[in-house]
Structures are given as C-alpha cells and as structure tokens.
C-alpha cells in the first residue's frame, strides 16, 4: 500500500481490522448556540475508543467510545467548571460519556451512518452519526492509519441537562440543540 490515502471500499480489504483511536490526532467536540447569537465550541481532552472496520461488509463495522466528562474544555475555566456541575454534565456522579454502535450503513462512496447508544448522565438514547471517510495511509511508523469526520445532533434536555436562563430579549442563554463533532484518526492494531 502506498502512502497515498485510499478509499474505504471492497477493493482495499487491507483496511479491514481492529483500530484504536489516537487521542493526539483526534478531536471529540461539541457546538452550542450561546445567547441566541453566537456559537461556543468545546472539546473533551480525555477519551479512548476502538473501531472494527470491515471494508467488504461495512454493516459489520462497529465502534465504541468512552469520554471523561471532567475533561471538558471550552477555553473558559468558569464555563468549564459550570459544565462539570450537576446543572449539566454532573461529572462527579457520571464521570464518563459513552457511545456504542448498534448499526452501520453505507450512504455514499465514502459516507456512512452509524447508529448507536449514547450515554450521558446515566441516560442512554439512540443517536445517528454521519461519517465521512477521509482515507487510509501508512504513517511514519509503518502503521495503517484511517481518518473519519463525524457529526450528530442531540437535544441536551434528552439527557437531563435542562439548565438554562431566559434572556430579556427572548430565547435562552444556551441552545437545547448540541452538535457533536468527531474528527478521528485511528491506528490499526
């Protein structure tokens, strides 16, 4: 296999196998609307995950992710401290957010929809993550590395995160809709 990115397809069965997320080259993040006029982005800095990729039968692929709630980082200590409280993530009581896939379907040449169970604050709900496969390369160590970009939308109130403040002009301080952003680099075992 060359160092060029290759498509995830039945032509490249070498892509199939077990992978570990590389936290130094991956991002697990989110976006929330603030004060109805702007977006605030945040990340979780501590997480681990595994992927099982099946290039010939994508429906047999799977993923699992575990995120440390206390590792939330929005570049504001005051906001991060509040996010960790019982008003929102309740990181002391529920230290981990988890995702476990239940189904995968190929929706385009390099696009996939992964359905799975997302657990936040001890509440589990189904969620669909739309993924785009970025390619696979042999990295500098000779390991096979695959990249994916994913996005999903959730309602934070579905997970018991109902804290909010009404604004004088109407609306609320923080949107209920949260966009999850996942930029994943995974290394084959």
N, C-alpha and C. Protein backbone atom coordinates (compact mmCIF):
# COMPACT_ATOMS: atom_id res chain seq x y z
N UNK A 1 0.85 -1.18 0.00
CA UNK A 1 0.00 0.00 0.00
C UNK A 1 0.89 1.23 0.00
N UNK A 2 0.57 2.20 -0.82
CA UNK A 2 1.35 3.43 -0.89
C UNK A 2 1.00 4.35 0.27
N UNK A 3 1.72 5.47 0.39
CA UNK A 3 1.42 6.44 1.42
C UNK A 3 0.23 7.32 1.07
N UNK A 4 -0.33 7.20 -0.13
CA UNK A 4 -1.49 8.00 -0.52
C UNK A 4 -2.74 7.46 0.17
N UNK A 5 -3.68 8.35 0.42
CA UNK A 5 -4.96 7.95 1.01
C UNK A 5 -5.67 7.01 0.04
N UNK A 6 -6.35 6.02 0.57
CA UNK A 6 -7.08 5.08 -0.27
C UNK A 6 -8.54 5.07 0.16
N UNK A 7 -9.46 4.82 -0.77
CA UNK A 7 -10.87 4.81 -0.41
C UNK A 7 -11.25 3.57 0.39
N UNK A 8 -12.23 3.71 1.25
CA UNK A 8 -12.78 2.61 2.02
C UNK A 8 -13.73 1.88 1.08
N UNK A 9 -13.29 0.77 0.55
CA UNK A 9 -14.10 0.05 -0.42
C UNK A 9 -13.69 -1.42 -0.41
N UNK A 10 -14.52 -2.26 -1.04
CA UNK A 10 -14.17 -3.68 -1.11
C UNK A 10 -12.85 -3.93 -1.82
N UNK A 11 -12.36 -2.95 -2.59
CA UNK A 11 -11.10 -3.10 -3.32
C UNK A 11 -9.92 -3.16 -2.35
N UNK A 12 -10.05 -2.56 -1.19
CA UNK A 12 -8.95 -2.48 -0.24
C UNK A 12 -9.25 -3.23 1.06
N UNK A 13 -9.28 -4.55 1.02
CA UNK A 13 -9.59 -5.31 2.23
C UNK A 13 -8.55 -5.12 3.34
N UNK A 14 -7.35 -4.61 2.99
CA UNK A 14 -6.31 -4.38 3.99
C UNK A 14 -6.76 -3.37 5.05
N UNK A 15 -7.72 -2.52 4.70
CA UNK A 15 -8.24 -1.52 5.64
C UNK A 15 -9.02 -2.21 6.76
N UNK A 16 -9.61 -3.36 6.49
CA UNK A 16 -10.40 -4.08 7.50
C UNK A 16 -9.54 -4.45 8.69
N UNK A 17 -10.16 -4.39 9.87
CA UNK A 17 -9.46 -4.80 11.08
C UNK A 17 -9.84 -3.98 12.28
N UNK A 18 -9.08 -4.16 13.32
CA UNK A 18 -9.31 -3.52 14.61
C UNK A 18 -8.41 -2.30 14.74
N UNK A 19 -8.97 -1.18 15.22
CA UNK A 19 -8.25 0.09 15.35
C UNK A 19 -8.43 0.67 16.74
N UNK A 20 -7.45 1.46 17.16
CA UNK A 20 -7.52 2.25 18.38
C UNK A 20 -7.51 3.73 18.00
N UNK A 21 -8.36 4.52 18.65
CA UNK A 21 -8.33 5.97 18.42
C UNK A 21 -7.01 6.53 18.90
N UNK A 22 -6.47 7.46 18.14
CA UNK A 22 -5.25 8.17 18.51
C UNK A 22 -5.68 9.51 19.10
N UNK A 23 -5.67 9.66 20.43
CA UNK A 23 -6.17 10.89 21.05
C UNK A 23 -5.33 12.13 20.72
N UNK A 24 -4.08 11.96 20.32
CA UNK A 24 -3.25 13.11 19.97
C UNK A 24 -3.60 13.69 18.60
N UNK A 25 -4.29 12.90 17.78
CA UNK A 25 -4.63 13.34 16.44
C UNK A 25 -6.13 13.25 16.18
N UNK A 26 -6.92 13.22 17.25
CA UNK A 26 -8.38 13.15 17.15
C UNK A 26 -8.99 14.25 18.00
N UNK A 27 -10.23 14.59 17.70
CA UNK A 27 -10.96 15.60 18.46
C UNK A 27 -12.38 15.12 18.68
N UNK A 28 -12.82 15.14 19.94
CA UNK A 28 -14.21 14.87 20.29
C UNK A 28 -14.75 16.20 20.80
N UNK A 29 -15.63 16.83 20.04
CA UNK A 29 -16.06 18.17 20.39
C UNK A 29 -17.55 18.37 20.26
N UNK A 30 -17.98 19.60 20.58
CA UNK A 30 -19.39 19.95 20.51
C UNK A 30 -19.52 21.44 20.24
N UNK A 31 -20.71 21.81 19.75
CA UNK A 31 -21.04 23.20 19.48
C UNK A 31 -22.41 23.47 20.07
N UNK A 32 -22.54 24.58 20.81
CA UNK A 32 -23.82 25.02 21.35
C UNK A 32 -24.02 26.49 20.99
N UNK A 33 -25.25 26.87 20.75
CA UNK A 33 -25.54 28.27 20.49
C UNK A 33 -25.63 28.98 21.84
N UNK A 34 -24.98 30.15 21.94
CA UNK A 34 -24.94 30.92 23.18
C UNK A 34 -25.65 32.25 22.98
N UNK A 35 -26.56 32.59 23.88
CA UNK A 35 -27.30 33.85 23.86
C UNK A 35 -28.03 34.07 22.54
N UNK A 36 -28.33 33.00 21.83
CA UNK A 36 -29.09 33.03 20.59
C UNK A 36 -28.36 33.68 19.42
N UNK A 37 -27.12 34.15 19.62
CA UNK A 37 -26.47 34.92 18.56
C UNK A 37 -25.12 34.38 18.12
N UNK A 38 -24.52 33.48 18.88
CA UNK A 38 -23.20 33.00 18.52
C UNK A 38 -23.06 31.53 18.91
N UNK A 39 -21.99 30.92 18.49
CA UNK A 39 -21.73 29.52 18.82
C UNK A 39 -20.51 29.43 19.72
N UNK A 40 -20.58 28.52 20.69
CA UNK A 40 -19.44 28.22 21.55
C UNK A 40 -19.04 26.78 21.26
N UNK A 41 -17.75 26.58 21.03
CA UNK A 41 -17.22 25.24 20.76
C UNK A 41 -16.46 24.74 21.98
N UNK A 42 -16.51 23.45 22.16
CA UNK A 42 -15.75 22.84 23.24
C UNK A 42 -15.24 21.49 22.81
N UNK A 43 -14.33 20.95 23.61
CA UNK A 43 -13.74 19.64 23.37
C UNK A 43 -13.72 18.84 24.66
N UNK A 44 -13.54 17.56 24.50
CA UNK A 44 -13.18 16.69 25.62
C UNK A 44 -11.75 16.25 25.37
N UNK A 45 -10.89 16.46 26.34
CA UNK A 45 -9.47 16.20 26.15
C UNK A 45 -9.03 14.78 26.51
N UNK A 46 -9.88 14.03 27.19
CA UNK A 46 -9.53 12.65 27.58
C UNK A 46 -10.60 11.69 27.09
N UNK A 47 -10.19 10.78 26.22
CA UNK A 47 -11.11 9.79 25.66
C UNK A 47 -10.31 8.62 25.10
N UNK A 48 -11.01 7.54 24.90
CA UNK A 48 -10.42 6.37 24.23
C UNK A 48 -11.52 5.68 23.45
N UNK A 49 -11.11 4.98 22.40
CA UNK A 49 -12.11 4.31 21.60
C UNK A 49 -11.50 3.26 20.70
N UNK A 50 -12.38 2.40 20.21
CA UNK A 50 -11.97 1.33 19.30
C UNK A 50 -12.91 1.31 18.10
N UNK A 51 -12.37 0.88 16.98
CA UNK A 51 -13.14 0.69 15.76
C UNK A 51 -12.87 -0.70 15.22
N UNK A 52 -13.88 -1.32 14.71
CA UNK A 52 -13.73 -2.54 13.93
C UNK A 52 -14.23 -2.18 12.54
N UNK A 53 -13.34 -2.16 11.56
CA UNK A 53 -13.71 -1.81 10.19
C UNK A 53 -13.76 -3.05 9.32
N UNK A 54 -14.83 -3.15 8.54
CA UNK A 54 -14.95 -4.23 7.58
C UNK A 54 -15.19 -3.58 6.21
N UNK A 55 -14.15 -3.51 5.40
CA UNK A 55 -14.22 -2.83 4.10
C UNK A 55 -15.15 -3.53 3.14
N UNK A 56 -15.23 -4.85 3.21
CA UNK A 56 -16.06 -5.61 2.28
C UNK A 56 -17.53 -5.60 2.69
N UNK A 57 -17.78 -5.53 4.01
CA UNK A 57 -19.15 -5.51 4.54
C UNK A 57 -19.24 -4.42 5.61
N UNK A 58 -19.37 -3.14 5.18
CA UNK A 58 -19.39 -2.03 6.14
C UNK A 58 -20.42 -2.19 7.25
N UNK A 59 -21.53 -2.87 6.99
CA UNK A 59 -22.56 -3.07 8.01
C UNK A 59 -22.05 -3.88 9.20
N UNK A 60 -20.93 -4.59 9.00
CA UNK A 60 -20.35 -5.37 10.10
C UNK A 60 -19.29 -4.59 10.87
N UNK A 61 -19.12 -3.31 10.53
CA UNK A 61 -18.20 -2.44 11.27
C UNK A 61 -18.85 -2.00 12.57
N UNK A 62 -18.02 -1.57 13.54
CA UNK A 62 -18.56 -1.12 14.82
C UNK A 62 -17.58 -0.17 15.49
N UNK A 63 -18.07 0.52 16.53
CA UNK A 63 -17.24 1.47 17.27
C UNK A 63 -17.69 1.55 18.71
N UNK A 64 -16.75 1.90 19.58
CA UNK A 64 -17.05 2.17 20.99
C UNK A 64 -16.16 3.32 21.43
N UNK A 65 -16.74 4.24 22.21
CA UNK A 65 -16.03 5.43 22.65
C UNK A 65 -16.37 5.70 24.11
N UNK A 66 -15.36 6.06 24.88
CA UNK A 66 -15.53 6.45 26.28
C UNK A 66 -14.83 7.79 26.48
N UNK A 67 -15.56 8.77 27.02
CA UNK A 67 -15.07 10.13 27.18
C UNK A 67 -15.14 10.51 28.66
N UNK A 68 -14.08 11.12 29.18
CA UNK A 68 -14.07 11.59 30.56
C UNK A 68 -14.79 12.95 30.62
N UNK A 69 -15.93 13.00 31.32
CA UNK A 69 -16.74 14.21 31.38
C UNK A 69 -15.96 15.39 31.96
N UNK A 70 -15.12 15.13 32.95
CA UNK A 70 -14.38 16.21 33.61
C UNK A 70 -13.33 16.84 32.70
N UNK A 71 -13.05 16.22 31.56
CA UNK A 71 -12.03 16.76 30.66
C UNK A 71 -12.58 17.81 29.70
N UNK A 72 -13.82 18.25 29.92
CA UNK A 72 -14.44 19.25 29.05
C UNK A 72 -13.60 20.53 29.05
N UNK A 73 -13.46 21.13 27.86
CA UNK A 73 -12.60 22.31 27.71
C UNK A 73 -13.20 23.24 26.66
N UNK A 74 -13.70 24.40 27.14
CA UNK A 74 -14.25 25.41 26.23
C UNK A 74 -13.40 26.67 26.22
N UNK A 75 -12.22 26.60 26.81
CA UNK A 75 -11.28 27.72 26.92
C UNK A 75 -11.76 28.77 27.92
N UNK A 76 -12.69 28.39 28.80
CA UNK A 76 -13.14 29.28 29.86
C UNK A 76 -13.27 28.46 31.14
N UNK A 77 -12.40 28.70 32.12
CA UNK A 77 -12.43 27.93 33.36
C UNK A 77 -13.79 28.05 34.04
N UNK A 78 -14.35 29.25 34.09
CA UNK A 78 -15.64 29.46 34.73
C UNK A 78 -16.73 28.61 34.05
N UNK A 79 -16.78 28.64 32.73
CA UNK A 79 -17.78 27.86 31.99
C UNK A 79 -17.52 26.37 32.16
N UNK A 80 -16.25 25.94 32.06
CA UNK A 80 -15.93 24.52 32.20
C UNK A 80 -16.31 24.00 33.59
N UNK A 81 -16.02 24.79 34.62
CA UNK A 81 -16.40 24.39 35.98
C UNK A 81 -17.91 24.23 36.08
N UNK A 82 -18.67 25.13 35.45
CA UNK A 82 -20.14 25.02 35.48
C UNK A 82 -20.61 23.79 34.69
N UNK A 83 -19.99 23.53 33.55
CA UNK A 83 -20.37 22.36 32.76
C UNK A 83 -20.18 21.06 33.54
N UNK A 84 -19.22 21.02 34.45
CA UNK A 84 -18.94 19.81 35.23
C UNK A 84 -19.95 19.59 36.37
N UNK A 85 -20.72 20.62 36.72
CA UNK A 85 -21.64 20.53 37.86
C UNK A 85 -22.89 19.73 37.54
N UNK A 86 -23.72 19.54 38.55
CA UNK A 86 -24.99 18.85 38.40
C UNK A 86 -25.97 19.56 37.48
N UNK A 87 -25.76 20.84 37.20
CA UNK A 87 -26.61 21.55 36.25
C UNK A 87 -26.50 20.96 34.85
N UNK A 88 -25.32 20.44 34.52
CA UNK A 88 -25.09 19.99 33.14
C UNK A 88 -24.50 18.58 33.13
N UNK A 89 -23.19 18.40 32.98
CA UNK A 89 -22.62 17.05 32.83
C UNK A 89 -22.63 16.22 34.11
N UNK A 90 -22.60 16.87 35.27
CA UNK A 90 -22.55 16.17 36.56
C UNK A 90 -21.41 15.15 36.57
N UNK A 91 -20.22 15.66 36.29
CA UNK A 91 -19.04 14.80 36.10
C UNK A 91 -18.66 14.00 37.35
N UNK A 92 -18.95 14.50 38.54
CA UNK A 92 -18.63 13.74 39.75
C UNK A 92 -19.48 12.48 39.85
N UNK A 93 -20.76 12.60 39.53
CA UNK A 93 -21.68 11.46 39.62
C UNK A 93 -21.58 10.55 38.40
N UNK A 94 -21.39 11.16 37.23
CA UNK A 94 -21.35 10.41 35.96
C UNK A 94 -20.05 10.76 35.23
N UNK A 95 -18.95 10.11 35.64
CA UNK A 95 -17.63 10.51 35.12
C UNK A 95 -17.40 10.22 33.64
N UNK A 96 -18.21 9.35 33.03
CA UNK A 96 -17.96 9.00 31.63
C UNK A 96 -19.19 9.22 30.77
N UNK A 97 -18.94 9.67 29.54
CA UNK A 97 -19.92 9.67 28.47
C UNK A 97 -19.49 8.51 27.57
N UNK A 98 -20.44 7.72 27.09
CA UNK A 98 -20.07 6.58 26.26
C UNK A 98 -20.94 6.51 25.01
N UNK A 99 -20.37 5.91 23.98
CA UNK A 99 -21.11 5.62 22.75
C UNK A 99 -20.74 4.21 22.33
N UNK A 100 -21.75 3.41 22.00
CA UNK A 100 -21.54 2.06 21.48
C UNK A 100 -22.42 1.90 20.25
N UNK A 101 -21.81 1.59 19.13
CA UNK A 101 -22.59 1.47 17.89
C UNK A 101 -23.48 0.24 17.92
N UNK A 102 -24.60 0.35 17.20
CA UNK A 102 -25.53 -0.77 17.06
C UNK A 102 -25.77 -1.13 15.59
N UNK A 103 -25.45 -0.21 14.67
CA UNK A 103 -25.64 -0.48 13.24
C UNK A 103 -24.81 0.50 12.43
N UNK A 104 -24.39 0.06 11.24
CA UNK A 104 -23.66 0.90 10.30
C UNK A 104 -24.24 0.67 8.92
N UNK A 105 -24.49 1.77 8.20
CA UNK A 105 -24.91 1.63 6.81
C UNK A 105 -24.09 2.58 5.94
N UNK A 106 -23.74 2.11 4.76
CA UNK A 106 -23.01 2.94 3.81
C UNK A 106 -24.03 3.78 3.07
N UNK A 107 -23.84 5.12 3.06
CA UNK A 107 -24.79 6.04 2.43
C UNK A 107 -24.22 6.71 1.19
N UNK A 108 -22.98 6.46 0.86
CA UNK A 108 -22.31 7.01 -0.32
C UNK A 108 -20.96 6.34 -0.46
N UNK A 109 -20.18 6.75 -1.46
CA UNK A 109 -18.88 6.11 -1.68
C UNK A 109 -18.00 6.16 -0.44
N UNK A 110 -17.98 7.31 0.24
CA UNK A 110 -17.12 7.47 1.41
C UNK A 110 -17.93 7.95 2.62
N UNK A 111 -19.24 7.77 2.57
CA UNK A 111 -20.11 8.25 3.65
C UNK A 111 -20.84 7.08 4.31
N UNK A 112 -20.99 7.23 5.62
CA UNK A 112 -21.60 6.17 6.42
C UNK A 112 -22.48 6.79 7.49
N UNK A 113 -23.51 6.07 7.89
CA UNK A 113 -24.33 6.47 9.03
C UNK A 113 -24.18 5.37 10.07
N UNK A 114 -23.74 5.79 11.26
CA UNK A 114 -23.57 4.86 12.37
C UNK A 114 -24.63 5.19 13.42
N UNK A 115 -25.43 4.20 13.76
CA UNK A 115 -26.42 4.34 14.81
C UNK A 115 -25.85 3.68 16.05
N UNK A 116 -26.13 4.28 17.21
CA UNK A 116 -25.63 3.68 18.43
C UNK A 116 -26.27 4.27 19.67
N UNK A 117 -25.85 3.78 20.80
CA UNK A 117 -26.36 4.22 22.09
C UNK A 117 -25.39 5.19 22.72
N UNK A 118 -25.85 6.43 22.93
CA UNK A 118 -25.07 7.47 23.58
C UNK A 118 -25.57 7.60 25.01
N UNK A 119 -24.64 7.53 25.97
CA UNK A 119 -24.99 7.65 27.39
C UNK A 119 -24.31 8.88 27.97
N UNK A 120 -25.14 9.79 28.49
CA UNK A 120 -24.67 10.99 29.17
C UNK A 120 -25.49 11.11 30.45
N UNK A 121 -24.83 11.35 31.58
CA UNK A 121 -25.51 11.48 32.88
C UNK A 121 -26.34 10.25 33.22
N UNK A 122 -25.91 9.08 32.78
CA UNK A 122 -26.62 7.84 33.08
C UNK A 122 -27.86 7.62 32.22
N UNK A 123 -28.13 8.51 31.27
CA UNK A 123 -29.28 8.39 30.37
C UNK A 123 -28.77 7.93 29.01
N UNK A 124 -29.37 6.87 28.49
CA UNK A 124 -28.96 6.32 27.19
C UNK A 124 -30.04 6.59 26.16
N UNK A 125 -29.62 7.15 25.04
CA UNK A 125 -30.52 7.45 23.93
C UNK A 125 -29.85 7.02 22.62
N UNK A 126 -30.66 6.61 21.63
CA UNK A 126 -30.08 6.31 20.32
C UNK A 126 -29.68 7.60 19.63
N UNK A 127 -28.61 7.54 18.87
CA UNK A 127 -28.14 8.69 18.09
C UNK A 127 -27.55 8.19 16.78
N UNK A 128 -27.74 8.98 15.73
CA UNK A 128 -27.14 8.68 14.42
C UNK A 128 -25.97 9.63 14.21
N UNK A 129 -24.83 9.08 13.83
CA UNK A 129 -23.66 9.87 13.50
C UNK A 129 -23.38 9.69 12.01
N UNK A 130 -23.34 10.80 11.29
CA UNK A 130 -22.99 10.75 9.87
C UNK A 130 -21.49 10.93 9.74
N UNK A 131 -20.84 9.98 9.06
CA UNK A 131 -19.38 9.96 8.94
C UNK A 131 -18.95 10.12 7.50
N UNK A 132 -17.82 10.76 7.34
CA UNK A 132 -17.15 10.76 6.04
C UNK A 132 -15.76 10.17 6.24
N UNK A 133 -15.47 9.18 5.43
CA UNK A 133 -14.17 8.52 5.47
C UNK A 133 -13.15 9.40 4.77
N UNK A 134 -12.04 9.71 5.43
CA UNK A 134 -11.03 10.59 4.88
C UNK A 134 -9.90 9.88 4.16
N UNK A 135 -9.76 8.58 4.40
CA UNK A 135 -8.71 7.82 3.75
C UNK A 135 -7.88 7.02 4.73
N UNK A 136 -6.98 6.26 4.19
CA UNK A 136 -6.07 5.42 4.98
C UNK A 136 -4.67 5.58 4.41
N UNK A 137 -3.70 5.68 5.30
CA UNK A 137 -2.29 5.77 4.90
C UNK A 137 -1.45 4.91 5.83
N UNK A 138 -0.26 4.58 5.35
CA UNK A 138 0.75 4.03 6.25
C UNK A 138 1.48 5.23 6.82
N UNK A 139 1.50 5.35 8.14
CA UNK A 139 2.12 6.52 8.75
C UNK A 139 3.63 6.31 8.86
N UNK A 140 4.31 7.25 9.50
CA UNK A 140 5.77 7.21 9.58
C UNK A 140 6.31 6.00 10.34
N UNK A 141 5.47 5.40 11.18
CA UNK A 141 5.90 4.21 11.92
C UNK A 141 5.58 2.92 11.16
N UNK A 142 4.91 3.06 9.99
CA UNK A 142 4.54 1.88 9.21
C UNK A 142 3.17 1.34 9.58
N UNK A 143 2.50 2.01 10.53
CA UNK A 143 1.16 1.57 10.95
C UNK A 143 0.11 2.08 9.97
N UNK A 144 -0.95 1.32 9.81
CA UNK A 144 -2.07 1.74 8.99
C UNK A 144 -2.93 2.69 9.81
N UNK A 145 -3.22 3.88 9.27
CA UNK A 145 -3.98 4.93 9.97
C UNK A 145 -5.14 5.34 9.09
N UNK A 146 -6.37 5.31 9.66
CA UNK A 146 -7.57 5.72 8.93
C UNK A 146 -8.17 6.95 9.59
N UNK A 147 -8.77 7.82 8.78
CA UNK A 147 -9.37 9.05 9.29
C UNK A 147 -10.83 9.17 8.93
N UNK A 148 -11.60 9.72 9.86
CA UNK A 148 -13.04 9.91 9.69
C UNK A 148 -13.46 11.24 10.31
N UNK A 149 -14.46 11.88 9.71
CA UNK A 149 -15.09 13.06 10.31
C UNK A 149 -16.56 12.73 10.51
N UNK A 150 -17.04 12.96 11.74
CA UNK A 150 -18.43 12.65 12.06
C UNK A 150 -19.16 13.82 12.66
N UNK A 151 -20.48 13.79 12.51
CA UNK A 151 -21.32 14.85 13.06
C UNK A 151 -22.67 14.25 13.45
N UNK A 152 -23.20 14.73 14.58
CA UNK A 152 -24.52 14.31 15.05
C UNK A 152 -25.15 15.46 15.80
N UNK A 153 -26.47 15.44 15.91
CA UNK A 153 -27.19 16.43 16.70
C UNK A 153 -27.94 15.73 17.80
N UNK A 154 -27.88 16.32 18.99
CA UNK A 154 -28.65 15.81 20.11
C UNK A 154 -29.36 16.98 20.79
N UNK A 155 -30.37 16.66 21.58
CA UNK A 155 -31.00 17.64 22.46
C UNK A 155 -30.46 17.35 23.86
N UNK A 156 -29.79 18.33 24.46
CA UNK A 156 -29.19 18.09 25.77
C UNK A 156 -30.24 17.79 26.82
N UNK A 157 -31.46 18.32 26.64
CA UNK A 157 -32.54 18.03 27.60
C UNK A 157 -32.90 16.55 27.61
N UNK A 158 -32.68 15.84 26.49
CA UNK A 158 -32.95 14.39 26.45
C UNK A 158 -32.05 13.63 27.42
N UNK A 159 -30.96 14.26 27.85
CA UNK A 159 -30.00 13.61 28.75
C UNK A 159 -30.03 14.26 30.14
N UNK A 160 -31.09 14.97 30.44
CA UNK A 160 -31.25 15.56 31.77
C UNK A 160 -30.46 16.84 32.00
N UNK A 161 -29.94 17.44 30.94
CA UNK A 161 -29.19 18.71 31.07
C UNK A 161 -30.14 19.85 30.73
N UNK A 162 -30.96 20.24 31.70
CA UNK A 162 -32.02 21.20 31.44
C UNK A 162 -31.70 22.61 31.92
N UNK A 163 -30.55 22.83 32.52
CA UNK A 163 -30.19 24.17 32.99
C UNK A 163 -30.29 25.16 31.84
N UNK A 164 -30.87 26.33 32.14
CA UNK A 164 -30.91 27.41 31.17
C UNK A 164 -31.34 28.68 31.87
N UNK A 165 -31.21 29.79 31.18
CA UNK A 165 -31.64 31.08 31.69
C UNK A 165 -32.35 31.81 30.56
N UNK A 166 -33.57 32.31 30.82
CA UNK A 166 -34.24 33.09 29.77
C UNK A 166 -33.54 34.43 29.57
N UNK A 167 -33.56 34.90 28.33
CA UNK A 167 -32.96 36.19 28.00
C UNK A 167 -34.05 37.26 27.95
N UNK A 168 -33.70 38.44 28.35
CA UNK A 168 -34.65 39.55 28.37
C UNK A 168 -35.27 39.79 27.00
N UNK A 169 -34.48 39.64 25.94
CA UNK A 169 -34.96 39.87 24.58
C UNK A 169 -35.71 38.67 24.01
N UNK A 170 -35.80 37.59 24.76
CA UNK A 170 -36.43 36.37 24.29
C UNK A 170 -35.40 35.29 24.03
N UNK A 171 -35.85 34.07 24.07
CA UNK A 171 -34.94 32.94 23.89
C UNK A 171 -34.22 32.59 25.17
N UNK A 172 -33.18 31.78 25.03
CA UNK A 172 -32.46 31.27 26.19
C UNK A 172 -30.96 31.45 26.04
N UNK A 173 -30.27 31.35 27.16
CA UNK A 173 -28.82 31.53 27.20
C UNK A 173 -28.09 30.47 26.37
N UNK A 174 -28.54 29.20 26.49
CA UNK A 174 -27.86 28.09 25.82
C UNK A 174 -28.89 27.28 25.02
N UNK A 175 -28.54 26.94 23.80
CA UNK A 175 -29.44 26.14 22.96
C UNK A 175 -29.61 24.74 23.53
N UNK A 176 -30.79 24.18 23.28
CA UNK A 176 -31.01 22.79 23.64
C UNK A 176 -30.30 21.88 22.64
N UNK A 177 -30.26 22.32 21.38
CA UNK A 177 -29.59 21.53 20.34
C UNK A 177 -28.08 21.66 20.49
N UNK A 178 -27.42 20.52 20.53
CA UNK A 178 -25.96 20.45 20.59
C UNK A 178 -25.50 19.66 19.37
N UNK A 179 -24.50 20.18 18.67
CA UNK A 179 -23.91 19.46 17.54
C UNK A 179 -22.63 18.80 18.04
N UNK A 180 -22.55 17.50 17.88
CA UNK A 180 -21.35 16.75 18.22
C UNK A 180 -20.46 16.69 16.99
N UNK A 181 -19.17 16.96 17.18
CA UNK A 181 -18.19 16.93 16.10
C UNK A 181 -17.09 15.95 16.47
N UNK A 182 -16.82 15.01 15.58
CA UNK A 182 -15.82 13.98 15.84
C UNK A 182 -14.84 13.93 14.67
N UNK A 183 -13.60 14.23 14.95
CA UNK A 183 -12.52 14.11 13.98
C UNK A 183 -11.61 13.01 14.50
N UNK A 184 -11.63 11.88 13.80
CA UNK A 184 -11.00 10.68 14.33
C UNK A 184 -9.85 10.22 13.46
N UNK A 185 -8.72 9.99 14.11
CA UNK A 185 -7.60 9.31 13.50
C UNK A 185 -7.40 8.02 14.29
N UNK A 186 -7.46 6.89 13.60
CA UNK A 186 -7.39 5.59 14.28
C UNK A 186 -6.28 4.75 13.67
N UNK A 187 -5.56 4.05 14.53
CA UNK A 187 -4.41 3.25 14.12
C UNK A 187 -4.75 1.77 14.23
N UNK A 188 -4.46 1.04 13.15
CA UNK A 188 -4.78 -0.39 13.11
C UNK A 188 -3.89 -1.15 14.09
N UNK A 189 -4.53 -2.07 14.83
CA UNK A 189 -3.80 -2.92 15.80
C UNK A 189 -2.85 -3.86 15.08
